[in-house]
Amino acid sequence: ITEATGKALEFERSLIKLQQITGSTQKGLVGLKKAVTDVSVALGIDANELSNVARLFAQTGQNLKEVEASMKAIARSSLAPTFGTMENTAEGLIAALAQFKIAASESEQVLGSLNRVSKKFAVESQDMVAAIRRAGGVFALAAKQTQEPIEALQEFISVFTAVRSTTRESAETIATGLRTIFTRLQRRGTI
């Protein structure tokens, strides 16, 4: 009972933080609170962890509907074995959405792409998340004139996966190398 009371108080505190971040009223957060509770019960995930993920998305400027969509996508991805922590996955999703100019409503599609690739090839979803965070922005700049945002992200994932599958280097090493290559490819002298 003591532990449950503490968790309930923590959940209420996180909702107050969400209210402060979004500038919404308590009535405005009713839908998000219900979504957090429903997803928590349906998937067996800690509601406090979900509210922390929702707070991360709210801090990026997403509205409550976008926060709910992104939070649900992260919750579902946490059931896949190749993703890391929900917070790490959320940070990677935030990077992907911002760098590739992808709408929050397509969060599930982004994470689904990562999951599909990790099932077919020798690469973990959390490695792809690390690569997106480290080198996705440079690739997005290089590809933005020729492709749709999700296609550009998928091409970046393909390049990363090809290198990771054959070399087995760490995700950080590959991402740093790709960032250097993509940066140099954009220079006039290199072109």
C-alpha atoms as a PDB file:
ATOM      1  CA  ILE A   1       0.000   0.000   0.000  1.00  0.00           C
ATOM      2  CA  THR A   2       2.836   2.368   0.866  1.00  0.00           C
ATOM      3  CA  GLU A   3       4.571   1.709  -2.433  1.00  0.00           C
ATOM      4  CA  ALA A   4       1.346   2.122  -4.430  1.00  0.00           C
ATOM      5  CA  THR A   5       0.583   5.414  -2.677  1.00  0.00           C
ATOM      6  CA  GLY A   6       4.062   6.680  -3.505  1.00  0.00           C
ATOM      7  CA  LYS A   7       3.656   5.685  -7.160  1.00  0.00           C
ATOM      8  CA  ALA A   8       0.242   7.389  -7.324  1.00  0.00           C
ATOM      9  CA  LEU A   9       1.683  10.596  -5.899  1.00  0.00           C
ATOM     10  CA  GLU A  10       4.570  10.423  -8.366  1.00  0.00           C
ATOM     11  CA  PHE A  11       2.058  10.026 -11.211  1.00  0.00           C
ATOM     12  CA  GLU A  12       0.100  13.084 -10.042  1.00  0.00           C
ATOM     13  CA  ARG A  13       3.340  15.105  -9.813  1.00  0.00           C
ATOM     14  CA  SER A  14       4.268  14.128 -13.359  1.00  0.00           C
ATOM     15  CA  LEU A  15       0.825  15.234 -14.561  1.00  0.00           C
ATOM     16  CA  ILE A  16       1.349  18.595 -12.862  1.00  0.00           C
ATOM     17  CA  LYS A  17       4.686  18.909 -14.664  1.00  0.00           C
ATOM     18  CA  LEU A  18       2.937  18.097 -17.948  1.00  0.00           C
ATOM     19  CA  GLN A  19       0.339  20.736 -17.178  1.00  0.00           C
ATOM     20  CA  GLN A  20       3.066  23.308 -16.561  1.00  0.00           C
ATOM     21  CA  ILE A  21       4.960  22.391 -19.724  1.00  0.00           C
ATOM     22  CA  THR A  22       1.941  22.410 -22.022  1.00  0.00           C
ATOM     23  CA  GLY A  23       0.158  25.328 -20.382  1.00  0.00           C
ATOM     24  CA  SER A  24      -2.975  23.193 -20.393  1.00  0.00           C
ATOM     25  CA  THR A  25      -5.577  23.001 -17.679  1.00  0.00           C
ATOM     26  CA  GLN A  26      -6.338  19.893 -15.629  1.00  0.00           C
ATOM     27  CA  LYS A  27      -9.404  19.394 -17.812  1.00  0.00           C
ATOM     28  CA  GLY A  28      -7.193  19.575 -20.901  1.00  0.00           C
ATOM     29  CA  LEU A  29      -5.003  16.770 -19.568  1.00  0.00           C
ATOM     30  CA  VAL A  30      -7.920  14.412 -18.874  1.00  0.00           C
ATOM     31  CA  GLY A  31      -7.592  12.781 -22.307  1.00  0.00           C
ATOM     32  CA  LEU A  32      -3.845  12.293 -21.944  1.00  0.00           C
ATOM     33  CA  LYS A  33      -4.225  10.956 -18.392  1.00  0.00           C
ATOM     34  CA  LYS A  34      -6.805   8.458 -19.645  1.00  0.00           C
ATOM     35  CA  ALA A  35      -4.523   7.467 -22.542  1.00  0.00           C
ATOM     36  CA  VAL A  36      -1.584   6.897 -20.178  1.00  0.00           C
ATOM     37  CA  THR A  37      -3.749   4.817 -17.850  1.00  0.00           C
ATOM     38  CA  ASP A  38      -5.301   2.796 -20.691  1.00  0.00           C
ATOM     39  CA  VAL A  39      -1.962   2.054 -22.358  1.00  0.00           C
ATOM     40  CA  SER A  40      -0.408   1.216 -18.998  1.00  0.00           C
ATOM     41  CA  VAL A  41      -3.132  -1.302 -18.191  1.00  0.00           C
ATOM     42  CA  ALA A  42      -3.370  -2.748 -21.712  1.00  0.00           C
ATOM     43  CA  LEU A  43       0.380  -3.269 -22.191  1.00  0.00           C
ATOM     44  CA  GLY A  44       1.441  -3.773 -18.562  1.00  0.00           C
ATOM     45  CA  ILE A  45       3.769  -0.776 -18.531  1.00  0.00           C
ATOM     46  CA  ASP A  46       4.461   1.520 -15.577  1.00  0.00           C
ATOM     47  CA  ALA A  47       2.225   4.611 -15.869  1.00  0.00           C
ATOM     48  CA  ASN A  48       4.938   6.785 -14.330  1.00  0.00           C
ATOM     49  CA  GLU A  49       7.388   5.766 -17.022  1.00  0.00           C
ATOM     50  CA  LEU A  50       4.779   6.578 -19.682  1.00  0.00           C
ATOM     51  CA  SER A  51       4.086   9.980 -18.144  1.00  0.00           C
ATOM     52  CA  ASN A  52       7.835  10.722 -18.159  1.00  0.00           C
ATOM     53  CA  VAL A  53       7.954   9.830 -21.857  1.00  0.00           C
ATOM     54  CA  ALA A  54       4.915  12.054 -22.470  1.00  0.00           C
ATOM     55  CA  ARG A  55       6.738  14.886 -20.687  1.00  0.00           C
ATOM     56  CA  LEU A  56       9.738  14.486 -23.023  1.00  0.00           C
ATOM     57  CA  PHE A  57       7.478  14.882 -26.048  1.00  0.00           C
ATOM     58  CA  ALA A  58       5.653  17.837 -24.508  1.00  0.00           C
ATOM     59  CA  GLN A  59       8.998  19.576 -23.958  1.00  0.00           C
ATOM     60  CA  THR A  60       9.636  19.438 -27.713  1.00  0.00           C
ATOM     61  CA  GLY A  61       6.538  21.532 -28.363  1.00  0.00           C
ATOM     62  CA  GLN A  62       4.160  18.777 -29.400  1.00  0.00           C
ATOM     63  CA  ASN A  63       0.510  19.418 -28.658  1.00  0.00           C
ATOM     64  CA  LEU A  64      -1.420  16.994 -26.428  1.00  0.00           C
ATOM     65  CA  LYS A  65      -2.749  14.944 -29.344  1.00  0.00           C
ATOM     66  CA  GLU A  66       0.780  14.543 -30.767  1.00  0.00           C
ATOM     67  CA  VAL A  67       2.147  13.704 -27.310  1.00  0.00           C
ATOM     68  CA  GLU A  68      -0.477  10.980 -26.989  1.00  0.00           C
ATOM     69  CA  ALA A  69       0.367   9.494 -30.418  1.00  0.00           C
ATOM     70  CA  SER A  70       4.112   9.543 -29.748  1.00  0.00           C
ATOM     71  CA  MET A  71       3.701   8.107 -26.253  1.00  0.00           C
ATOM     72  CA  LYS A  72       1.556   5.236 -27.550  1.00  0.00           C
ATOM     73  CA  ALA A  73       4.130   4.446 -30.248  1.00  0.00           C
ATOM     74  CA  ILE A  74       6.924   4.329 -27.659  1.00  0.00           C
ATOM     75  CA  ALA A  75       4.838   2.121 -25.369  1.00  0.00           C
ATOM     76  CA  ARG A  76       4.205  -0.377 -28.157  1.00  0.00           C
ATOM     77  CA  SER A  77       7.849  -0.366 -29.223  1.00  0.00           C
ATOM     78  CA  SER A  78       8.927  -1.157 -25.658  1.00  0.00           C
ATOM     79  CA  LEU A  79       7.405  -4.613 -26.138  1.00  0.00           C
ATOM     80  CA  ALA A  80       9.851  -5.358 -28.972  1.00  0.00           C
ATOM     81  CA  PRO A  81      13.050  -7.007 -27.728  1.00  0.00           C
ATOM     82  CA  THR A  82      15.479  -4.943 -29.825  1.00  0.00           C
ATOM     83  CA  PHE A  83      14.595  -1.525 -28.414  1.00  0.00           C
ATOM     84  CA  GLY A  84      16.358  -0.167 -25.349  1.00  0.00           C
ATOM     85  CA  THR A  85      14.673   1.815 -22.605  1.00  0.00           C
ATOM     86  CA  MET A  86      11.554   3.811 -23.378  1.00  0.00           C
ATOM     87  CA  GLU A  87      13.359   7.039 -22.547  1.00  0.00           C
ATOM     88  CA  ASN A  88      16.221   6.268 -24.944  1.00  0.00           C
ATOM     89  CA  THR A  89      13.785   5.261 -27.674  1.00  0.00           C
ATOM     90  CA  ALA A  90      11.804   8.462 -27.074  1.00  0.00           C
ATOM     91  CA  GLU A  91      14.967  10.556 -27.405  1.00  0.00           C
ATOM     92  CA  GLY A  92      15.756   8.791 -30.693  1.00  0.00           C
ATOM     93  CA  LEU A  93      12.215   9.280 -31.972  1.00  0.00           C
ATOM     94  CA  ILE A  94      12.364  12.965 -31.070  1.00  0.00           C
ATOM     95  CA  ALA A  95      15.622  13.250 -33.026  1.00  0.00           C
ATOM     96  CA  ALA A  96      14.157  11.418 -36.042  1.00  0.00           C
ATOM     97  CA  LEU A  97      11.004  13.546 -36.082  1.00  0.00           C
ATOM     98  CA  ALA A  98      12.960  16.793 -35.805  1.00  0.00           C
ATOM     99  CA  GLN A  99      15.853  15.963 -38.143  1.00  0.00           C
ATOM    100  CA  PHE A 100      13.803  14.425 -40.924  1.00  0.00           C
ATOM    101  CA  LYS A 101      10.803  16.781 -40.455  1.00  0.00           C
ATOM    102  CA  ILE A 102       8.391  13.889 -39.826  1.00  0.00           C
ATOM    103  CA  ALA A 103       4.990  14.511 -38.237  1.00  0.00           C
ATOM    104  CA  ALA A 104       4.376  13.141 -34.739  1.00  0.00           C
ATOM    105  CA  SER A 105       1.366  11.257 -36.084  1.00  0.00           C
ATOM    106  CA  GLU A 106       3.833   9.065 -38.026  1.00  0.00           C
ATOM    107  CA  SER A 107       5.755   8.018 -34.891  1.00  0.00           C
ATOM    108  CA  GLU A 108       4.467   4.480 -35.043  1.00  0.00           C
ATOM    109  CA  GLN A 109       5.508   4.181 -38.701  1.00  0.00           C
ATOM    110  CA  VAL A 110       9.044   5.350 -37.838  1.00  0.00           C
ATOM    111  CA  LEU A 111       9.428   2.891 -34.977  1.00  0.00           C
ATOM    112  CA  GLY A 112       7.820   0.145 -37.056  1.00  0.00           C
ATOM    113  CA  SER A 113      10.467   0.685 -39.745  1.00  0.00           C
ATOM    114  CA  LEU A 114      13.222   0.295 -37.173  1.00  0.00           C
ATOM    115  CA  ASN A 115      11.631  -2.848 -35.775  1.00  0.00           C
ATOM    116  CA  ARG A 116      11.186  -4.443 -39.219  1.00  0.00           C
ATOM    117  CA  VAL A 117      14.817  -3.819 -40.142  1.00  0.00           C
ATOM    118  CA  SER A 118      16.076  -5.206 -36.842  1.00  0.00           C
ATOM    119  CA  LYS A 119      14.067  -8.405 -37.392  1.00  0.00           C
ATOM    120  CA  LYS A 120      15.527  -9.010 -40.860  1.00  0.00           C
ATOM    121  CA  PHE A 121      19.149  -7.954 -40.378  1.00  0.00           C
ATOM    122  CA  ALA A 122      21.896  -8.200 -37.784  1.00  0.00           C
ATOM    123  CA  VAL A 123      21.222  -4.839 -36.158  1.00  0.00           C
ATOM    124  CA  GLU A 124      19.409  -3.794 -33.009  1.00  0.00           C
ATOM    125  CA  SER A 125      16.763  -1.068 -32.986  1.00  0.00           C
ATOM    126  CA  GLN A 126      18.600   0.702 -30.184  1.00  0.00           C
ATOM    127  CA  ASP A 127      21.709   0.867 -32.417  1.00  0.00           C
ATOM    128  CA  MET A 128      19.663   2.514 -35.167  1.00  0.00           C
ATOM    129  CA  VAL A 129      18.291   4.968 -32.600  1.00  0.00           C
ATOM    130  CA  ALA A 130      21.855   5.842 -31.560  1.00  0.00           C
ATOM    131  CA  ALA A 131      22.841   6.357 -35.203  1.00  0.00           C
ATOM    132  CA  ILE A 132      19.853   8.600 -35.868  1.00  0.00           C
ATOM    133  CA  ARG A 133      20.722  10.722 -32.857  1.00  0.00           C
ATOM    134  CA  ARG A 134      24.360  11.038 -33.926  1.00  0.00           C
ATOM    135  CA  ALA A 135      24.263  11.283 -37.736  1.00  0.00           C
ATOM    136  CA  GLY A 136      20.637  11.544 -38.850  1.00  0.00           C
ATOM    137  CA  GLY A 137      20.619  15.324 -39.086  1.00  0.00           C
ATOM    138  CA  VAL A 138      23.512  15.489 -41.543  1.00  0.00           C
ATOM    139  CA  PHE A 139      21.980  12.777 -43.704  1.00  0.00           C
ATOM    140  CA  ALA A 140      18.593  14.523 -43.627  1.00  0.00           C
ATOM    141  CA  LEU A 141      20.205  17.724 -44.898  1.00  0.00           C
ATOM    142  CA  ALA A 142      21.895  15.853 -47.728  1.00  0.00           C
ATOM    143  CA  ALA A 143      18.732  13.987 -48.734  1.00  0.00           C
ATOM    144  CA  LYS A 144      16.063  16.638 -48.229  1.00  0.00           C
ATOM    145  CA  GLN A 145      15.933  17.806 -51.841  1.00  0.00           C
ATOM    146  CA  THR A 146      15.400  14.365 -53.327  1.00  0.00           C
ATOM    147  CA  GLN A 147      13.182  12.363 -50.983  1.00  0.00           C
ATOM    148  CA  GLU A 148      10.159  12.357 -48.742  1.00  0.00           C
ATOM    149  CA  PRO A 149      11.033  12.533 -45.013  1.00  0.00           C
ATOM    150  CA  ILE A 150      10.198   8.919 -44.142  1.00  0.00           C
ATOM    151  CA  GLU A 151      11.968   7.657 -47.266  1.00  0.00           C
ATOM    152  CA  ALA A 152      15.070   9.628 -46.318  1.00  0.00           C
ATOM    153  CA  LEU A 153      14.997   8.123 -42.821  1.00  0.00           C
ATOM    154  CA  GLN A 154      14.582   4.635 -44.247  1.00  0.00           C
ATOM    155  CA  GLU A 155      17.506   5.179 -46.609  1.00  0.00           C
ATOM    156  CA  PHE A 156      19.661   6.325 -43.695  1.00  0.00           C
ATOM    157  CA  ILE A 157      18.632   3.217 -41.753  1.00  0.00           C
ATOM    158  CA  SER A 158      19.543   1.101 -44.795  1.00  0.00           C
ATOM    159  CA  VAL A 159      23.013   2.615 -45.092  1.00  0.00           C
ATOM    160  CA  PHE A 160      23.650   2.236 -41.369  1.00  0.00           C
ATOM    161  CA  THR A 161      22.351  -1.352 -41.349  1.00  0.00           C
ATOM    162  CA  ALA A 162      24.508  -2.366 -44.308  1.00  0.00           C
ATOM    163  CA  VAL A 163      27.632  -1.095 -42.570  1.00  0.00           C
ATOM    164  CA  ARG A 164      26.658  -2.499 -39.154  1.00  0.00           C
ATOM    165  CA  SER A 165      25.768  -5.935 -40.540  1.00  0.00           C
ATOM    166  CA  THR A 166      29.076  -6.358 -42.338  1.00  0.00           C
ATOM    167  CA  THR A 167      31.549  -4.676 -39.985  1.00  0.00           C
ATOM    168  CA  ARG A 168      29.970  -5.254 -36.544  1.00  0.00           C
ATOM    169  CA  GLU A 169      31.509  -1.961 -35.435  1.00  0.00           C
ATOM    170  CA  SER A 170      29.695  -0.109 -32.652  1.00  0.00           C
ATOM    171  CA  ALA A 171      26.733   2.071 -33.542  1.00  0.00           C
ATOM    172  CA  GLU A 172      28.549   5.180 -32.304  1.00  0.00           C
ATOM    173  CA  THR A 173      31.633   4.481 -34.423  1.00  0.00           C
ATOM    174  CA  ILE A 174      29.595   3.902 -37.570  1.00  0.00           C
ATOM    175  CA  ALA A 175      27.394   6.937 -36.938  1.00  0.00           C
ATOM    176  CA  THR A 176      30.427   9.168 -36.411  1.00  0.00           C
ATOM    177  CA  GLY A 177      31.980   7.887 -39.642  1.00  0.00           C
ATOM    178  CA  LEU A 178      28.744   8.410 -41.574  1.00  0.00           C
ATOM    179  CA  ARG A 179      28.362  11.915 -40.144  1.00  0.00           C
ATOM    180  CA  THR A 180      31.870  12.768 -41.352  1.00  0.00           C
ATOM    181  CA  ILE A 181      31.219  11.300 -44.799  1.00  0.00           C
ATOM    182  CA  PHE A 182      27.834  13.015 -45.257  1.00  0.00           C
ATOM    183  CA  THR A 183      29.238  16.345 -44.076  1.00  0.00           C
ATOM    184  CA  ARG A 184      32.123  16.160 -46.536  1.00  0.00           C
ATOM    185  CA  LEU A 185      29.830  15.121 -49.384  1.00  0.00           C
ATOM    186  CA  GLN A 186      27.963  18.394 -48.996  1.00  0.00           C
ATOM    187  CA  ARG A 187      31.074  20.552 -49.487  1.00  0.00           C
ATOM    188  CA  ARG A 188      31.453  22.151 -52.898  1.00  0.00           C
ATOM    189  CA  GLY A 189      35.084  21.110 -53.128  1.00  0.00           C
ATOM    190  CA  THR A 190      34.205  17.496 -52.485  1.00  0.00           C
ATOM    191  CA  ILE A 191      31.373  17.541 -55.005  1.00  0.00           C
END
